[in-house]
C-alpha atoms as a PDB file:
ATOM      1  CA  MET A   1      -0.084   0.069  -0.269  1.00  0.00           C
ATOM      2  CA  ILE A   2       1.555   3.150  -1.058  1.00  0.00           C
ATOM      3  CA  ALA A   3      -0.194   6.652   0.409  1.00  0.00           C
ATOM      4  CA  LEU A   4       0.821   9.772  -1.065  1.00  0.00           C
ATOM      5  CA  SER A   5      -0.415  12.714   1.080  1.00  0.00           C
ATOM      6  CA  VAL A   6      -0.910  15.667  -0.648  1.00  0.00           C
ATOM      7  CA  ILE A   7      -1.320  19.242   0.909  1.00  0.00           C
ATOM      8  CA  MET A   8      -2.777  21.948  -0.841  1.00  0.00           C
ATOM      9  CA  LYS A   9      -2.564  20.711  -4.413  1.00  0.00           C
ATOM     10  CA  THR A  10      -4.844  21.279  -6.966  1.00  0.00           C
ATOM     11  CA  VAL A  11      -5.550  19.274 -10.108  1.00  0.00           C
ATOM     12  CA  ILE A  12      -8.022  19.855 -13.012  1.00  0.00           C
ATOM     13  CA  ILE A  13      -9.895  16.976 -13.469  1.00  0.00           C
ATOM     14  CA  ILE A  14     -12.545  15.861 -16.745  1.00  0.00           C
ATOM     15  CA  SER A  15     -14.391  13.073 -15.750  1.00  0.00           C
ATOM     16  CA  LYS A  16     -18.260  11.259 -15.515  1.00  0.00           C
ATOM     17  CA  CYS A  17     -19.700  10.652 -12.146  1.00  0.00           C
ATOM     18  CA  THR A  18     -20.267   6.978 -11.294  1.00  0.00           C
ATOM     19  CA  LYS A  19     -22.417   6.849  -8.375  1.00  0.00           C
ATOM     20  CA  VAL A  20     -23.325   9.349  -4.869  1.00  0.00           C
ATOM     21  CA  ILE A  21     -22.234   8.141  -1.970  1.00  0.00           C
ATOM     22  CA  LYS A  22     -24.466   9.452   1.040  1.00  0.00           C
ATOM     23  CA  LEU A  23     -22.586   8.860   4.300  1.00  0.00           C
ATOM     24  CA  ASN A  24     -25.225  11.048   6.400  1.00  0.00           C
ATOM     25  CA  SER A  25     -27.593  13.916   5.878  1.00  0.00           C
ATOM     26  CA  PHE A  26     -24.713  16.114   5.633  1.00  0.00           C
ATOM     27  CA  GLU A  27     -22.091  14.307   3.866  1.00  0.00           C
ATOM     28  CA  LYS A  28     -21.911  13.109   0.167  1.00  0.00           C
ATOM     29  CA  TRP A  29     -19.131  11.704  -1.609  1.00  0.00           C
ATOM     30  CA  TYR A  30     -19.290  11.535  -5.434  1.00  0.00           C
ATOM     31  CA  GLU A  31     -17.346   8.811  -7.294  1.00  0.00           C
ATOM     32  CA  PHE A  32     -15.979   9.507 -10.599  1.00  0.00           C
ATOM     33  CA  HIS A  33     -14.754   6.938 -13.303  1.00  0.00           C
ATOM     34  CA  PHE A  34     -10.380   7.752 -13.907  1.00  0.00           C
ATOM     35  CA  ARG A  35      -7.847   5.292 -15.389  1.00  0.00           C
ATOM     36  CA  GLY A  36      -5.045   6.983 -15.537  1.00  0.00           C
ATOM     37  CA  VAL A  37      -1.757   8.225 -13.639  1.00  0.00           C
ATOM     38  CA  CYS A  38      -0.858  10.878 -11.040  1.00  0.00           C
ATOM     39  CA  SER A  39       1.575  11.644  -8.981  1.00  0.00           C
ATOM     40  CA  GLY A  40       3.422   8.722  -9.911  1.00  0.00           C
ATOM     41  CA  GLU A  41       0.114   6.376  -8.870  1.00  0.00           C
ATOM     42  CA  VAL A  42      -1.997   4.643 -10.646  1.00  0.00           C
ATOM     43  CA  LEU A  43      -5.738   5.763 -10.247  1.00  0.00           C
ATOM     44  CA  ASN A  44      -8.631   3.500 -10.640  1.00  0.00           C
ATOM     45  CA  LYS A  45     -11.362   6.221  -9.428  1.00  0.00           C
ATOM     46  CA  ILE A  46     -11.442   9.397  -8.130  1.00  0.00           C
ATOM     47  CA  LEU A  47     -13.778  10.267  -4.606  1.00  0.00           C
ATOM     48  CA  LEU A  48     -14.638  13.975  -3.975  1.00  0.00           C
ATOM     49  CA  ARG A  49     -16.919  15.429  -1.477  1.00  0.00           C
ATOM     50  CA  HIS A  50     -19.172  18.755  -2.078  1.00  0.00           C
ATOM     51  CA  ASN A  51     -20.534  20.317   0.595  1.00  0.00           C
ATOM     52  CA  ARG A  52     -23.011  22.521  -1.283  1.00  0.00           C
ATOM     53  CA  GLU A  53     -26.587  22.062  -1.910  1.00  0.00           C
ATOM     54  CA  ASP A  54     -25.917  21.996  -5.494  1.00  0.00           C
ATOM     55  CA  PHE A  55     -24.731  18.374  -6.256  1.00  0.00           C
ATOM     56  CA  PHE A  56     -23.337  16.463  -9.457  1.00  0.00           C
ATOM     57  CA  GLN A  57     -25.573  13.866 -11.811  1.00  0.00           C
ATOM     58  CA  VAL A  58     -24.769  10.624 -12.573  1.00  0.00           C
ATOM     59  CA  GLY A  59     -23.912  10.126 -15.979  1.00  0.00           C
ATOM     60  CA  GLU A  60     -22.844  13.673 -16.626  1.00  0.00           C
ATOM     61  CA  GLU A  61     -19.520  14.799 -17.488  1.00  0.00           C
ATOM     62  CA  TYR A  62     -17.892  17.423 -15.712  1.00  0.00           C
ATOM     63  CA  LEU A  63     -14.254  19.867 -15.852  1.00  0.00           C
ATOM     64  CA  ILE A  64     -13.815  20.381 -11.525  1.00  0.00           C
ATOM     65  CA  TYR A  65     -11.363  21.688  -9.571  1.00  0.00           C
ATOM     66  CA  VAL A  66     -10.198  19.695  -6.832  1.00  0.00           C
ATOM     67  CA  SER A  67      -8.105  20.431  -3.832  1.00  0.00           C
ATOM     68  CA  LEU A  68      -6.181  17.067  -3.510  1.00  0.00           C
ATOM     69  CA  HIS A  69      -6.309  15.175   0.157  1.00  0.00           C
ATOM     70  CA  SER A  70      -4.487  12.020  -0.658  1.00  0.00           C
ATOM     71  CA  ILE A  71      -4.088   9.251  -3.020  1.00  0.00           C
ATOM     72  CA  SER A  72      -3.768   5.180  -1.744  1.00  0.00           C
ATOM     73  CA  ASN A  73      -4.497   2.223  -2.848  1.00  0.00           C
ATOM     74  CA  GLY A  74      -5.532   3.485  -6.620  1.00  0.00           C
ATOM     75  CA  VAL A  75      -8.193   6.597  -5.153  1.00  0.00           C
ATOM     76  CA  LEU A  76      -7.604  10.030  -5.398  1.00  0.00           C
ATOM     77  CA  LYS A  77      -9.842  11.841  -2.896  1.00  0.00           C
ATOM     78  CA  GLY A  78     -10.173  15.669  -2.720  1.00  0.00           C
ATOM     79  CA  GLU A  79     -12.438  18.442  -2.053  1.00  0.00           C
ATOM     80  CA  VAL A  80     -14.202  19.953  -5.196  1.00  0.00           C
ATOM     81  CA  ILE A  81     -13.673  23.711  -5.597  1.00  0.00           C
ATOM     82  CA  LYS A  82     -15.646  25.081  -8.505  1.00  0.00           C
ATOM     83  CA  TYR A  83     -17.123  22.738 -11.042  1.00  0.00           C
ATOM     84  CA  LYS A  84     -19.132  22.697 -14.703  1.00  0.00           C
ATOM     85  CA  PHE A  85     -20.783  20.843 -17.118  1.00  0.00           C
ATOM     86  CA  LEU A  86     -18.286  19.935 -19.784  1.00  0.00           C
ATOM     87  CA  SER A  87     -21.260  20.367 -22.392  1.00  0.00           C
ATOM     88  CA  ASP A  88     -20.878  24.111 -21.554  1.00  0.00           C
ATOM     89  CA  CYS A  89     -17.381  24.378 -22.111  1.00  0.00           C
ATOM     90  CA  TRP A  90     -16.856  25.326 -25.634  1.00  0.00           C
ATOM     91  CA  ASP A  91     -14.462  27.434 -27.921  1.00  0.00           C
ATOM     92  CA  ARG A  92     -16.297  30.972 -28.290  1.00  0.00           C
ATOM     93  CA  SER A  93     -14.092  32.525 -31.064  1.00  0.00           C
END
């Protein structure tokens, strides 16, 4: 088991929401599809916390700014800073 503790790093992720995990009435984690490498670690999924009332929809793709918390056992965990539907991101030139 390799664990990478990341302090105050921000990354940009483009991914599709695959699952909503409701821990209690106040806290939800959102699972995103991801296959790749970050900071030398092979990742299988991304778990993000977002405490606002607006929420991610399963099956939708997003552009997400994330504050990293940790990378361990192929799972990146972080906090959502801001996000946008990928379909709303287009070149206006």
